[in-house]
């Protein structure tokens, strides 16, 4: 994950973050600055697990400070979850206003935090279904990677504004915004996700759904 973020440094230089899951428990480290500065060896050692997501920030919504650096990590009624989002949600201000009127408290100013609130309020059964339920309320562009510590869910918006690739290295599955993140670790390019496609990576491998109309 570190090398993938390093290869994607051109996508954003304001901040970088990573979360990993070990037996369902999330650990995270985020910081303002370049990947090589944020993840010094002793700081990288804090993030442990066998699955994770990372992000480099270039702000298109919200100010440039630590609280807006992704992945965003929260605890909620069903446990913990984290999300990394690339894109621009054009109805984020409206959704945020509605959520705040209902009592929601926001920690950051980024549009990505809206997705977390929508997931937490969903009454669907699985984490993947709750994420899809949240995404259906969004207008705009996004590629998303999210996890509850057990599964990683990656999604591309129905119009395909933002890129998202699926790759594989030995028995590990990888999703990334660009193939350079796969090249740096000698991973295989499998395919580009289709617009509106949602991929779930778990112990059972990779599964895909297409919950949005074409």
N, C-alpha and C. Protein backbone atom coordinates (compact mmCIF):
# COMPACT_ATOMS: atom_id res chain seq x y z
N UNK A 1 0.84 -1.20 0.00
CA UNK A 1 0.00 0.00 0.00
C UNK A 1 0.87 1.25 0.00
N UNK A 2 1.95 1.23 0.78
CA UNK A 2 2.86 2.37 0.81
C UNK A 2 3.43 2.64 -0.59
N UNK A 3 3.93 1.61 -1.24
CA UNK A 3 4.53 1.82 -2.57
C UNK A 3 3.48 2.27 -3.58
N UNK A 4 2.26 1.79 -3.44
CA UNK A 4 1.19 2.24 -4.32
C UNK A 4 0.93 3.72 -4.16
N UNK A 5 0.89 4.19 -2.91
CA UNK A 5 0.70 5.61 -2.65
C UNK A 5 1.89 6.43 -3.17
N UNK A 6 3.08 5.87 -3.02
CA UNK A 6 4.28 6.55 -3.50
C UNK A 6 4.20 6.76 -5.01
N UNK A 7 3.73 5.73 -5.72
CA UNK A 7 3.60 5.82 -7.17
C UNK A 7 2.49 6.78 -7.58
N UNK A 8 1.52 6.97 -6.70
CA UNK A 8 0.38 7.86 -6.98
C UNK A 8 0.59 9.26 -6.41
N UNK A 9 1.81 9.58 -6.01
CA UNK A 9 2.07 10.86 -5.37
C UNK A 9 1.63 12.05 -6.22
N UNK A 10 1.71 11.90 -7.54
CA UNK A 10 1.31 12.99 -8.44
C UNK A 10 -0.17 13.31 -8.36
N UNK A 11 -0.96 12.40 -7.77
CA UNK A 11 -2.40 12.65 -7.65
C UNK A 11 -2.72 13.63 -6.53
N UNK A 12 -1.77 13.86 -5.62
CA UNK A 12 -1.98 14.79 -4.52
C UNK A 12 -0.77 14.87 -3.63
N UNK A 13 -0.39 16.09 -3.25
CA UNK A 13 0.80 16.28 -2.42
C UNK A 13 0.49 16.93 -1.07
N UNK A 14 -0.80 17.12 -0.76
CA UNK A 14 -1.16 17.84 0.47
C UNK A 14 -1.12 16.94 1.71
N UNK A 15 -1.41 15.67 1.53
CA UNK A 15 -1.43 14.77 2.67
C UNK A 15 -1.53 13.33 2.21
N UNK A 16 -1.28 12.41 3.12
CA UNK A 16 -1.35 10.98 2.81
C UNK A 16 -1.81 10.23 4.05
N UNK A 17 -2.47 9.11 3.82
CA UNK A 17 -2.94 8.31 4.94
C UNK A 17 -3.12 6.85 4.56
N UNK A 18 -3.14 6.01 5.55
CA UNK A 18 -3.31 4.57 5.34
C UNK A 18 -4.00 3.97 6.55
N UNK A 19 -4.88 3.04 6.32
CA UNK A 19 -5.45 2.24 7.40
C UNK A 19 -5.28 0.77 7.05
N UNK A 20 -5.05 -0.05 8.06
CA UNK A 20 -4.97 -1.49 7.86
C UNK A 20 -5.86 -2.19 8.88
N UNK A 21 -6.20 -3.41 8.56
CA UNK A 21 -7.06 -4.20 9.44
C UNK A 21 -6.33 -5.47 9.86
N UNK A 22 -6.32 -5.70 11.16
CA UNK A 22 -5.75 -6.92 11.72
C UNK A 22 -6.81 -7.59 12.57
N UNK A 23 -7.32 -8.72 12.08
CA UNK A 23 -8.41 -9.43 12.76
C UNK A 23 -9.62 -8.54 12.98
N UNK A 24 -9.90 -7.68 12.01
CA UNK A 24 -11.06 -6.82 12.07
C UNK A 24 -10.85 -5.50 12.78
N UNK A 25 -9.71 -5.32 13.45
CA UNK A 25 -9.41 -4.07 14.16
C UNK A 25 -8.62 -3.14 13.25
N UNK A 26 -9.06 -1.88 13.15
CA UNK A 26 -8.44 -0.92 12.26
C UNK A 26 -7.36 -0.12 12.98
N UNK A 27 -6.22 0.04 12.31
CA UNK A 27 -5.18 0.96 12.78
C UNK A 27 -4.88 1.92 11.64
N UNK A 28 -4.53 3.16 11.98
CA UNK A 28 -4.40 4.19 10.95
C UNK A 28 -3.26 5.13 11.25
N UNK A 29 -2.72 5.70 10.18
CA UNK A 29 -1.78 6.82 10.31
C UNK A 29 -2.01 7.76 9.14
N UNK A 30 -2.14 9.04 9.45
CA UNK A 30 -2.34 10.06 8.44
C UNK A 30 -1.47 11.26 8.76
N UNK A 31 -1.12 12.01 7.74
CA UNK A 31 -0.31 13.19 7.99
C UNK A 31 -0.37 14.15 6.82
N UNK A 32 0.04 15.39 7.08
CA UNK A 32 0.11 16.41 6.05
C UNK A 32 1.49 16.36 5.43
N UNK A 33 1.56 16.36 4.09
CA UNK A 33 2.84 16.32 3.40
C UNK A 33 2.92 15.17 2.42
N UNK A 34 4.13 14.91 1.95
CA UNK A 34 4.37 13.87 0.96
C UNK A 34 4.39 12.49 1.62
N UNK A 35 4.16 11.46 0.80
CA UNK A 35 4.10 10.09 1.31
C UNK A 35 5.37 9.72 2.06
N UNK A 36 6.53 10.07 1.51
CA UNK A 36 7.81 9.70 2.13
C UNK A 36 8.02 10.41 3.46
N UNK A 37 7.41 11.58 3.63
CA UNK A 37 7.53 12.30 4.90
C UNK A 37 6.52 11.81 5.94
N UNK A 38 5.31 11.52 5.48
CA UNK A 38 4.26 11.06 6.40
C UNK A 38 4.58 9.68 6.95
N UNK A 39 5.10 8.80 6.10
CA UNK A 39 5.33 7.41 6.51
C UNK A 39 6.81 7.11 6.71
N UNK A 40 7.39 7.76 7.70
CA UNK A 40 8.72 7.34 8.14
C UNK A 40 8.61 5.93 8.71
N UNK A 41 9.71 5.14 8.67
CA UNK A 41 9.61 3.72 9.08
C UNK A 41 8.94 3.50 10.43
N UNK A 42 9.25 4.31 11.44
CA UNK A 42 8.67 4.08 12.77
C UNK A 42 7.17 4.40 12.78
N UNK A 43 6.72 5.28 11.88
CA UNK A 43 5.30 5.60 11.81
C UNK A 43 4.55 4.56 10.98
N UNK A 44 5.19 4.06 9.95
CA UNK A 44 4.58 3.02 9.13
C UNK A 44 4.35 1.75 9.96
N UNK A 45 5.22 1.52 10.93
CA UNK A 45 5.11 0.32 11.78
C UNK A 45 3.86 0.34 12.64
N UNK A 46 3.25 1.53 12.82
CA UNK A 46 2.03 1.61 13.64
C UNK A 46 0.83 1.00 12.93
N UNK A 47 0.92 0.90 11.61
CA UNK A 47 -0.22 0.43 10.82
C UNK A 47 -0.01 -1.05 10.50
N UNK A 48 -0.84 -1.90 11.11
CA UNK A 48 -0.62 -3.35 11.00
C UNK A 48 -1.86 -4.05 10.47
N UNK A 49 -1.63 -5.12 9.73
CA UNK A 49 -2.75 -5.91 9.24
C UNK A 49 -2.45 -6.57 7.92
N UNK A 50 -3.42 -7.33 7.43
CA UNK A 50 -3.23 -8.04 6.16
C UNK A 50 -4.12 -7.50 5.05
N UNK A 51 -4.76 -6.35 5.30
CA UNK A 51 -5.56 -5.68 4.27
C UNK A 51 -5.63 -4.20 4.64
N UNK A 52 -5.71 -3.35 3.65
CA UNK A 52 -5.73 -1.93 3.97
C UNK A 52 -6.09 -1.07 2.78
N UNK A 53 -6.31 0.22 3.05
CA UNK A 53 -6.57 1.20 2.00
C UNK A 53 -5.75 2.45 2.31
N UNK A 54 -5.40 3.17 1.26
CA UNK A 54 -4.61 4.39 1.42
C UNK A 54 -5.09 5.47 0.48
N UNK A 55 -4.56 6.67 0.68
CA UNK A 55 -5.02 7.82 -0.09
C UNK A 55 -3.96 8.92 -0.07
N UNK A 56 -3.82 9.62 -1.19
CA UNK A 56 -3.06 10.86 -1.22
C UNK A 56 -4.03 11.98 -1.57
N UNK A 57 -3.89 13.11 -0.88
CA UNK A 57 -4.91 14.16 -0.96
C UNK A 57 -4.51 15.31 -1.86
N UNK A 58 -5.45 15.65 -2.74
CA UNK A 58 -5.43 16.91 -3.47
C UNK A 58 -6.82 17.51 -3.28
N UNK A 59 -6.92 18.61 -2.55
CA UNK A 59 -8.23 19.08 -2.12
C UNK A 59 -9.00 19.75 -3.25
N UNK A 60 -10.17 19.21 -3.53
CA UNK A 60 -11.13 19.86 -4.43
C UNK A 60 -12.35 20.33 -3.64
N UNK A 61 -12.46 19.89 -2.40
CA UNK A 61 -13.59 20.24 -1.53
C UNK A 61 -13.06 20.21 -0.10
N UNK A 62 -13.20 21.30 0.63
CA UNK A 62 -12.69 21.35 2.00
C UNK A 62 -11.26 21.85 2.04
N UNK A 63 -10.86 22.33 3.20
CA UNK A 63 -9.55 22.93 3.36
C UNK A 63 -8.46 21.87 3.45
N UNK A 64 -7.21 22.32 3.33
CA UNK A 64 -6.07 21.42 3.38
C UNK A 64 -5.51 21.39 4.79
N UNK A 65 -5.97 20.45 5.60
CA UNK A 65 -5.43 20.26 6.94
C UNK A 65 -5.60 18.81 7.35
N UNK A 66 -5.04 18.44 8.49
CA UNK A 66 -4.97 17.04 8.88
C UNK A 66 -6.34 16.37 8.99
N UNK A 67 -7.33 17.09 9.49
CA UNK A 67 -8.63 16.45 9.69
C UNK A 67 -9.30 16.07 8.39
N UNK A 68 -8.85 16.63 7.26
CA UNK A 68 -9.41 16.28 5.95
C UNK A 68 -8.60 15.22 5.21
N UNK A 69 -7.46 14.82 5.78
CA UNK A 69 -6.63 13.80 5.14
C UNK A 69 -7.32 12.45 5.26
N UNK A 70 -7.35 11.72 4.17
CA UNK A 70 -8.00 10.41 4.13
C UNK A 70 -6.95 9.29 4.19
N UNK A 71 -7.43 8.06 4.45
CA UNK A 71 -8.80 7.61 4.68
C UNK A 71 -9.37 8.15 5.99
N UNK A 72 -10.66 8.46 5.94
CA UNK A 72 -11.38 8.87 7.14
C UNK A 72 -11.81 7.61 7.90
N UNK A 73 -11.59 7.61 9.20
CA UNK A 73 -11.87 6.43 10.03
C UNK A 73 -12.83 6.82 11.15
N UNK A 74 -13.87 6.02 11.35
CA UNK A 74 -14.85 6.31 12.40
C UNK A 74 -15.31 5.03 13.08
N UNK A 75 -15.80 5.18 14.30
CA UNK A 75 -16.52 4.11 15.00
C UNK A 75 -18.01 4.44 14.95
N UNK A 76 -18.82 3.41 14.76
CA UNK A 76 -20.26 3.61 14.73
C UNK A 76 -20.95 2.37 15.28
N UNK A 77 -22.27 2.32 15.17
CA UNK A 77 -23.04 1.29 15.86
C UNK A 77 -22.62 -0.13 15.49
N UNK A 78 -22.18 -0.33 14.26
CA UNK A 78 -21.83 -1.68 13.81
C UNK A 78 -20.35 -2.00 13.95
N UNK A 79 -19.55 -1.07 14.46
CA UNK A 79 -18.12 -1.32 14.61
C UNK A 79 -17.30 -0.13 14.13
N UNK A 80 -16.33 -0.40 13.27
CA UNK A 80 -15.48 0.64 12.70
C UNK A 80 -15.53 0.57 11.19
N UNK A 81 -15.24 1.70 10.56
CA UNK A 81 -15.14 1.71 9.10
C UNK A 81 -14.22 2.84 8.67
N UNK A 82 -13.70 2.72 7.46
CA UNK A 82 -12.83 3.74 6.88
C UNK A 82 -13.15 3.88 5.41
N UNK A 83 -12.92 5.09 4.88
CA UNK A 83 -13.22 5.33 3.48
C UNK A 83 -12.19 6.26 2.86
N UNK A 84 -11.83 5.97 1.62
CA UNK A 84 -10.99 6.85 0.81
C UNK A 84 -11.78 7.16 -0.46
N UNK A 85 -11.84 8.43 -0.81
CA UNK A 85 -12.68 8.86 -1.92
C UNK A 85 -11.91 9.80 -2.84
N UNK A 86 -12.00 9.53 -4.12
CA UNK A 86 -11.40 10.39 -5.14
C UNK A 86 -12.53 10.91 -6.01
N UNK A 87 -12.68 12.23 -6.09
CA UNK A 87 -13.74 12.78 -6.93
C UNK A 87 -14.32 14.03 -6.32
N UNK A 88 -15.51 14.37 -6.76
CA UNK A 88 -16.17 15.58 -6.30
C UNK A 88 -17.68 15.34 -6.26
N UNK A 89 -18.25 15.32 -5.06
CA UNK A 89 -19.68 15.07 -4.88
C UNK A 89 -20.40 16.42 -4.93
N UNK A 90 -21.15 16.63 -5.98
CA UNK A 90 -21.71 17.97 -6.21
C UNK A 90 -22.91 18.28 -5.32
N UNK A 91 -23.55 17.28 -4.76
CA UNK A 91 -24.66 17.56 -3.83
C UNK A 91 -24.24 17.36 -2.38
N UNK A 92 -22.92 17.41 -2.11
CA UNK A 92 -22.42 17.18 -0.75
C UNK A 92 -22.91 18.24 0.23
N UNK A 93 -22.94 19.50 -0.19
CA UNK A 93 -23.37 20.57 0.73
C UNK A 93 -24.82 20.39 1.13
N UNK A 94 -25.66 20.02 0.18
CA UNK A 94 -27.08 19.79 0.47
C UNK A 94 -27.24 18.61 1.41
N UNK A 95 -26.54 17.50 1.14
CA UNK A 95 -26.63 16.33 2.00
C UNK A 95 -26.13 16.64 3.42
N UNK A 96 -25.03 17.38 3.49
CA UNK A 96 -24.48 17.74 4.80
C UNK A 96 -25.47 18.58 5.60
N UNK A 97 -26.10 19.53 4.94
CA UNK A 97 -27.07 20.38 5.61
C UNK A 97 -28.23 19.56 6.16
N UNK A 98 -28.71 18.60 5.34
CA UNK A 98 -29.81 17.74 5.78
C UNK A 98 -29.39 16.87 6.96
N UNK A 99 -28.18 16.33 6.90
CA UNK A 99 -27.68 15.48 7.98
C UNK A 99 -27.49 16.26 9.28
N UNK A 100 -26.97 17.47 9.16
CA UNK A 100 -26.77 18.30 10.35
C UNK A 100 -28.10 18.67 11.00
N UNK A 101 -29.12 18.91 10.17
CA UNK A 101 -30.44 19.22 10.71
C UNK A 101 -31.02 18.03 11.47
N UNK A 102 -30.57 16.82 11.10
CA UNK A 102 -31.02 15.60 11.78
C UNK A 102 -30.14 15.24 12.97
N UNK A 103 -29.14 16.09 13.25
CA UNK A 103 -28.32 15.87 14.44
C UNK A 103 -26.92 15.35 14.19
N UNK A 104 -26.53 15.15 12.93
CA UNK A 104 -25.19 14.64 12.64
C UNK A 104 -24.13 15.68 13.00
N UNK A 105 -23.00 15.20 13.51
CA UNK A 105 -21.88 16.04 13.86
C UNK A 105 -20.71 15.71 12.95
N UNK A 106 -20.17 16.70 12.27
CA UNK A 106 -19.07 16.49 11.33
C UNK A 106 -17.75 16.91 11.95
N UNK A 107 -16.71 16.13 11.67
CA UNK A 107 -15.37 16.43 12.15
C UNK A 107 -14.53 17.16 11.11
N UNK A 108 -14.81 16.90 9.83
CA UNK A 108 -14.01 17.46 8.74
C UNK A 108 -14.87 18.34 7.86
N UNK A 109 -14.24 18.97 6.88
CA UNK A 109 -14.98 19.80 5.92
C UNK A 109 -14.99 19.19 4.53
N UNK A 110 -14.44 17.99 4.39
CA UNK A 110 -14.40 17.34 3.09
C UNK A 110 -15.74 16.69 2.75
N UNK A 111 -16.06 16.62 1.46
CA UNK A 111 -17.31 15.99 1.04
C UNK A 111 -17.32 14.50 1.31
N UNK A 112 -16.15 13.90 1.47
CA UNK A 112 -16.06 12.45 1.69
C UNK A 112 -16.73 12.03 3.00
N UNK A 113 -16.74 12.91 4.00
CA UNK A 113 -17.31 12.55 5.29
C UNK A 113 -18.82 12.33 5.20
N UNK A 114 -19.45 12.95 4.22
CA UNK A 114 -20.88 12.75 4.01
C UNK A 114 -21.19 11.27 3.76
N UNK A 115 -20.30 10.61 3.02
CA UNK A 115 -20.52 9.20 2.70
C UNK A 115 -20.55 8.35 3.96
N UNK A 116 -19.65 8.64 4.91
CA UNK A 116 -19.62 7.88 6.16
C UNK A 116 -20.94 8.00 6.91
N UNK A 117 -21.50 9.21 6.97
CA UNK A 117 -22.77 9.41 7.66
C UNK A 117 -23.90 8.66 6.97
N UNK A 118 -23.89 8.65 5.66
CA UNK A 118 -24.93 7.94 4.91
C UNK A 118 -24.83 6.43 5.13
N UNK A 119 -23.60 5.92 5.19
CA UNK A 119 -23.41 4.49 5.46
C UNK A 119 -23.94 4.15 6.85
N UNK A 120 -23.59 4.96 7.84
CA UNK A 120 -23.96 4.66 9.23
C UNK A 120 -25.47 4.69 9.44
N UNK A 121 -26.18 5.46 8.62
CA UNK A 121 -27.63 5.58 8.77
C UNK A 121 -28.39 4.54 7.94
N UNK A 122 -27.69 3.83 7.07
CA UNK A 122 -28.37 2.83 6.24
C UNK A 122 -28.86 1.66 7.09
N UNK A 123 -29.97 1.11 6.73
CA UNK A 123 -30.54 -0.03 7.44
C UNK A 123 -30.34 -1.34 6.67
N UNK A 124 -29.51 -1.31 5.66
CA UNK A 124 -29.22 -2.53 4.90
C UNK A 124 -28.46 -3.52 5.78
N UNK A 125 -28.39 -4.76 5.31
CA UNK A 125 -27.85 -5.83 6.16
C UNK A 125 -26.32 -5.84 6.19
N UNK A 126 -25.66 -5.79 5.03
CA UNK A 126 -24.20 -5.92 4.99
C UNK A 126 -23.53 -4.57 4.77
N UNK A 127 -22.23 -4.52 5.05
CA UNK A 127 -21.47 -3.29 4.85
C UNK A 127 -21.50 -2.88 3.39
N UNK A 128 -21.36 -3.84 2.48
CA UNK A 128 -21.40 -3.53 1.05
C UNK A 128 -22.74 -2.93 0.66
N UNK A 129 -23.83 -3.50 1.16
CA UNK A 129 -25.15 -2.97 0.84
C UNK A 129 -25.36 -1.57 1.40
N UNK A 130 -24.80 -1.33 2.60
CA UNK A 130 -24.91 0.01 3.20
C UNK A 130 -24.14 1.04 2.39
N UNK A 131 -22.96 0.64 1.88
CA UNK A 131 -22.18 1.55 1.05
C UNK A 131 -22.91 1.86 -0.25
N UNK A 132 -23.45 0.85 -0.88
CA UNK A 132 -24.21 1.06 -2.12
C UNK A 132 -25.40 1.96 -1.86
N UNK A 133 -26.08 1.74 -0.74
CA UNK A 133 -27.21 2.58 -0.36
C UNK A 133 -26.78 4.04 -0.25
N UNK A 134 -25.60 4.27 0.32
CA UNK A 134 -25.07 5.63 0.44
C UNK A 134 -24.72 6.21 -0.93
N UNK A 135 -24.06 5.42 -1.76
CA UNK A 135 -23.63 5.91 -3.07
C UNK A 135 -24.81 6.30 -3.96
N UNK A 136 -25.92 5.63 -3.79
CA UNK A 136 -27.10 5.93 -4.61
C UNK A 136 -27.67 7.32 -4.30
N UNK A 137 -27.26 7.90 -3.18
CA UNK A 137 -27.74 9.24 -2.82
C UNK A 137 -26.80 10.35 -3.30
N UNK A 138 -25.68 9.97 -3.90
CA UNK A 138 -24.68 10.94 -4.32
C UNK A 138 -24.88 11.38 -5.76
N UNK A 139 -24.54 12.62 -6.03
CA UNK A 139 -24.47 13.16 -7.38
C UNK A 139 -23.06 13.67 -7.58
N UNK A 140 -22.43 13.29 -8.69
CA UNK A 140 -21.08 13.75 -8.95
C UNK A 140 -20.17 12.62 -9.35
N UNK A 141 -18.88 12.82 -9.11
CA UNK A 141 -17.88 11.85 -9.54
C UNK A 141 -17.22 11.21 -8.32
N UNK A 142 -16.93 9.92 -8.42
CA UNK A 142 -16.22 9.27 -7.32
C UNK A 142 -15.64 7.92 -7.74
N UNK A 143 -14.48 7.64 -7.20
CA UNK A 143 -14.01 6.28 -7.01
C UNK A 143 -13.80 6.14 -5.52
N UNK A 144 -14.29 5.04 -4.95
CA UNK A 144 -14.30 4.87 -3.51
C UNK A 144 -13.68 3.54 -3.13
N UNK A 145 -12.88 3.56 -2.06
CA UNK A 145 -12.44 2.32 -1.41
C UNK A 145 -12.83 2.44 0.05
N UNK A 146 -13.53 1.44 0.57
CA UNK A 146 -13.99 1.47 1.96
C UNK A 146 -13.83 0.10 2.58
N UNK A 147 -13.71 0.08 3.90
CA UNK A 147 -13.59 -1.19 4.61
C UNK A 147 -14.20 -1.11 5.99
N UNK A 148 -14.71 -2.23 6.45
CA UNK A 148 -15.17 -2.35 7.83
C UNK A 148 -14.22 -3.23 8.64
N UNK A 149 -13.05 -3.49 8.08
CA UNK A 149 -12.06 -4.34 8.72
C UNK A 149 -12.12 -5.77 8.28
N UNK A 150 -13.21 -6.16 7.66
CA UNK A 150 -13.36 -7.53 7.18
C UNK A 150 -13.36 -7.60 5.66
N UNK A 151 -14.09 -6.71 5.03
CA UNK A 151 -14.12 -6.67 3.56
C UNK A 151 -13.64 -5.30 3.10
N UNK A 152 -13.10 -5.26 1.89
CA UNK A 152 -12.79 -4.01 1.22
C UNK A 152 -13.74 -3.88 0.04
N UNK A 153 -14.40 -2.74 -0.05
CA UNK A 153 -15.35 -2.50 -1.13
C UNK A 153 -14.84 -1.33 -1.97
N UNK A 154 -14.76 -1.53 -3.26
CA UNK A 154 -14.33 -0.47 -4.18
C UNK A 154 -15.46 -0.21 -5.17
N UNK A 155 -15.70 1.05 -5.48
CA UNK A 155 -16.81 1.40 -6.36
C UNK A 155 -16.42 2.55 -7.28
N UNK A 156 -16.95 2.49 -8.49
CA UNK A 156 -16.74 3.56 -9.48
C UNK A 156 -18.10 4.15 -9.82
N UNK A 157 -18.16 5.48 -9.94
CA UNK A 157 -19.46 6.13 -10.14
C UNK A 157 -20.09 5.70 -11.47
N UNK A 158 -21.42 5.78 -11.56
CA UNK A 158 -22.14 5.25 -12.73
C UNK A 158 -21.75 5.88 -14.06
N UNK A 159 -21.23 7.11 -14.04
CA UNK A 159 -20.81 7.76 -15.28
C UNK A 159 -19.33 7.56 -15.58
N UNK A 160 -18.61 6.94 -14.66
CA UNK A 160 -17.21 6.61 -14.91
C UNK A 160 -16.29 7.81 -15.01
N UNK A 161 -16.58 8.88 -14.25
CA UNK A 161 -15.73 10.07 -14.30
C UNK A 161 -14.32 9.77 -13.81
N UNK A 162 -14.19 8.98 -12.75
CA UNK A 162 -12.89 8.70 -12.16
C UNK A 162 -12.46 7.27 -12.46
N UNK A 163 -11.17 7.06 -12.72
CA UNK A 163 -10.70 5.72 -13.07
C UNK A 163 -10.53 4.83 -11.85
N UNK A 164 -10.58 3.53 -12.05
CA UNK A 164 -10.33 2.56 -10.99
C UNK A 164 -9.93 1.23 -11.63
N UNK A 165 -8.79 0.72 -11.21
CA UNK A 165 -8.25 -0.51 -11.78
C UNK A 165 -8.22 -1.63 -10.75
N UNK A 166 -8.42 -2.85 -11.24
CA UNK A 166 -8.29 -4.05 -10.42
C UNK A 166 -7.01 -4.77 -10.82
N UNK A 167 -6.21 -5.13 -9.83
CA UNK A 167 -4.97 -5.84 -10.08
C UNK A 167 -4.81 -7.01 -9.15
N UNK A 168 -3.76 -7.81 -9.38
CA UNK A 168 -3.52 -8.99 -8.55
C UNK A 168 -2.02 -9.21 -8.40
N UNK A 169 -1.61 -9.54 -7.19
CA UNK A 169 -0.23 -9.90 -6.89
C UNK A 169 -0.25 -11.18 -6.07
N UNK A 170 0.16 -12.27 -6.69
CA UNK A 170 0.06 -13.59 -6.06
C UNK A 170 -1.40 -13.84 -5.66
N UNK A 171 -1.68 -13.98 -4.36
CA UNK A 171 -3.06 -14.23 -3.91
C UNK A 171 -3.77 -12.96 -3.46
N UNK A 172 -3.10 -11.83 -3.59
CA UNK A 172 -3.67 -10.57 -3.11
C UNK A 172 -4.33 -9.80 -4.25
N UNK A 173 -5.51 -9.25 -3.96
CA UNK A 173 -6.22 -8.40 -4.92
C UNK A 173 -6.01 -6.94 -4.55
N UNK A 174 -5.93 -6.09 -5.57
CA UNK A 174 -5.60 -4.69 -5.38
C UNK A 174 -6.52 -3.84 -6.24
N UNK A 175 -6.95 -2.70 -5.72
CA UNK A 175 -7.63 -1.69 -6.53
C UNK A 175 -6.84 -0.39 -6.42
N UNK A 176 -6.75 0.34 -7.52
CA UNK A 176 -5.96 1.57 -7.53
C UNK A 176 -6.48 2.50 -8.61
N UNK A 177 -6.25 3.80 -8.41
CA UNK A 177 -6.71 4.81 -9.36
C UNK A 177 -5.96 4.74 -10.68
N UNK A 178 -4.70 4.30 -10.65
CA UNK A 178 -3.91 4.20 -11.87
C UNK A 178 -3.05 2.95 -11.83
N UNK A 179 -2.69 2.47 -13.00
CA UNK A 179 -1.91 1.24 -13.08
C UNK A 179 -0.48 1.40 -12.59
N UNK A 180 0.01 2.64 -12.46
CA UNK A 180 1.37 2.83 -11.95
C UNK A 180 1.51 2.28 -10.52
N UNK A 181 0.39 2.27 -9.77
CA UNK A 181 0.41 1.72 -8.42
C UNK A 181 0.56 0.20 -8.44
N UNK A 182 0.15 -0.41 -9.55
CA UNK A 182 0.33 -1.86 -9.72
C UNK A 182 1.73 -2.16 -10.25
N UNK A 183 2.21 -1.31 -11.15
CA UNK A 183 3.53 -1.54 -11.76
C UNK A 183 4.64 -1.53 -10.72
N UNK A 184 4.55 -0.63 -9.74
CA UNK A 184 5.64 -0.45 -8.78
C UNK A 184 5.85 -1.68 -7.90
N UNK A 185 4.83 -2.53 -7.76
CA UNK A 185 4.97 -3.75 -6.97
C UNK A 185 4.90 -5.00 -7.85
N UNK A 186 5.04 -4.79 -9.18
CA UNK A 186 5.01 -5.90 -10.14
C UNK A 186 3.71 -6.70 -10.08
N UNK A 187 2.62 -6.00 -9.84
CA UNK A 187 1.31 -6.66 -9.84
C UNK A 187 0.76 -6.74 -11.27
N UNK A 188 -0.13 -7.67 -11.48
CA UNK A 188 -0.75 -7.88 -12.79
C UNK A 188 -1.94 -6.95 -12.97
N UNK A 189 -2.04 -6.33 -14.14
CA UNK A 189 -3.25 -5.60 -14.48
C UNK A 189 -4.34 -6.64 -14.80
N UNK A 190 -5.44 -6.61 -14.10
CA UNK A 190 -6.55 -7.52 -14.41
C UNK A 190 -7.53 -6.83 -15.35
N UNK A 191 -8.09 -5.69 -14.93
CA UNK A 191 -8.99 -4.94 -15.80
C UNK A 191 -9.38 -3.63 -15.13
N UNK A 192 -9.90 -2.73 -15.91
CA UNK A 192 -10.46 -1.50 -15.37
C UNK A 192 -11.91 -1.76 -14.95
N UNK A 193 -12.29 -1.26 -13.79
CA UNK A 193 -13.68 -1.41 -13.36
C UNK A 193 -14.59 -0.62 -14.30
N UNK A 194 -15.75 -1.15 -14.54
CA UNK A 194 -16.71 -0.49 -15.41
C UNK A 194 -17.45 0.61 -14.64
N UNK A 195 -17.96 1.62 -15.33
CA UNK A 195 -18.77 2.63 -14.65
C UNK A 195 -19.93 1.99 -13.89
N UNK A 196 -20.09 2.39 -12.63
CA UNK A 196 -21.17 1.84 -11.81
C UNK A 196 -20.89 0.49 -11.20
N UNK A 197 -19.69 -0.05 -11.38
CA UNK A 197 -19.36 -1.36 -10.83
C UNK A 197 -18.89 -1.25 -9.38
N UNK A 198 -19.29 -2.21 -8.57
CA UNK A 198 -18.87 -2.30 -7.18
C UNK A 198 -18.21 -3.66 -6.96
N UNK A 199 -16.99 -3.64 -6.45
CA UNK A 199 -16.22 -4.86 -6.23
C UNK A 199 -15.98 -5.06 -4.74
N UNK A 200 -16.21 -6.27 -4.27
CA UNK A 200 -15.96 -6.62 -2.87
C UNK A 200 -14.81 -7.61 -2.79
N UNK A 201 -13.82 -7.29 -1.97
CA UNK A 201 -12.66 -8.16 -1.76
C UNK A 201 -12.71 -8.67 -0.33
N UNK A 202 -12.73 -10.00 -0.19
CA UNK A 202 -12.83 -10.61 1.13
C UNK A 202 -12.04 -11.91 1.14
N UNK A 203 -12.16 -12.66 2.25
CA UNK A 203 -11.48 -13.95 2.35
C UNK A 203 -11.86 -14.88 1.21
N UNK A 204 -13.08 -14.71 0.70
CA UNK A 204 -13.55 -15.58 -0.37
C UNK A 204 -13.11 -15.17 -1.76
N UNK A 205 -12.35 -14.07 -1.86
CA UNK A 205 -11.89 -13.60 -3.16
C UNK A 205 -12.61 -12.33 -3.58
N UNK A 206 -12.80 -12.19 -4.88
CA UNK A 206 -13.41 -10.98 -5.43
C UNK A 206 -14.80 -11.29 -5.97
N UNK A 207 -15.75 -10.44 -5.64
CA UNK A 207 -17.08 -10.54 -6.23
C UNK A 207 -17.48 -9.16 -6.72
N UNK A 208 -18.34 -9.11 -7.71
CA UNK A 208 -18.72 -7.83 -8.30
C UNK A 208 -20.22 -7.74 -8.46
N UNK A 209 -20.75 -6.53 -8.27
CA UNK A 209 -22.17 -6.27 -8.51
C UNK A 209 -22.28 -4.98 -9.32
N UNK A 210 -23.39 -4.81 -9.97
CA UNK A 210 -23.67 -3.59 -10.73
C UNK A 210 -25.03 -3.07 -10.32
N UNK A 211 -25.07 -2.33 -9.21
CA UNK A 211 -26.35 -1.92 -8.62
C UNK A 211 -26.98 -0.70 -9.29
N UNK A 212 -26.26 -0.06 -10.19
CA UNK A 212 -26.77 1.16 -10.82
C UNK A 212 -27.25 0.86 -12.23
N UNK A 213 -28.31 1.53 -12.68
CA UNK A 213 -28.75 1.36 -14.06
C UNK A 213 -27.68 1.88 -15.02
N UNK A 214 -27.53 1.26 -16.19
CA UNK A 214 -26.49 1.71 -17.13
C UNK A 214 -26.77 3.11 -17.65
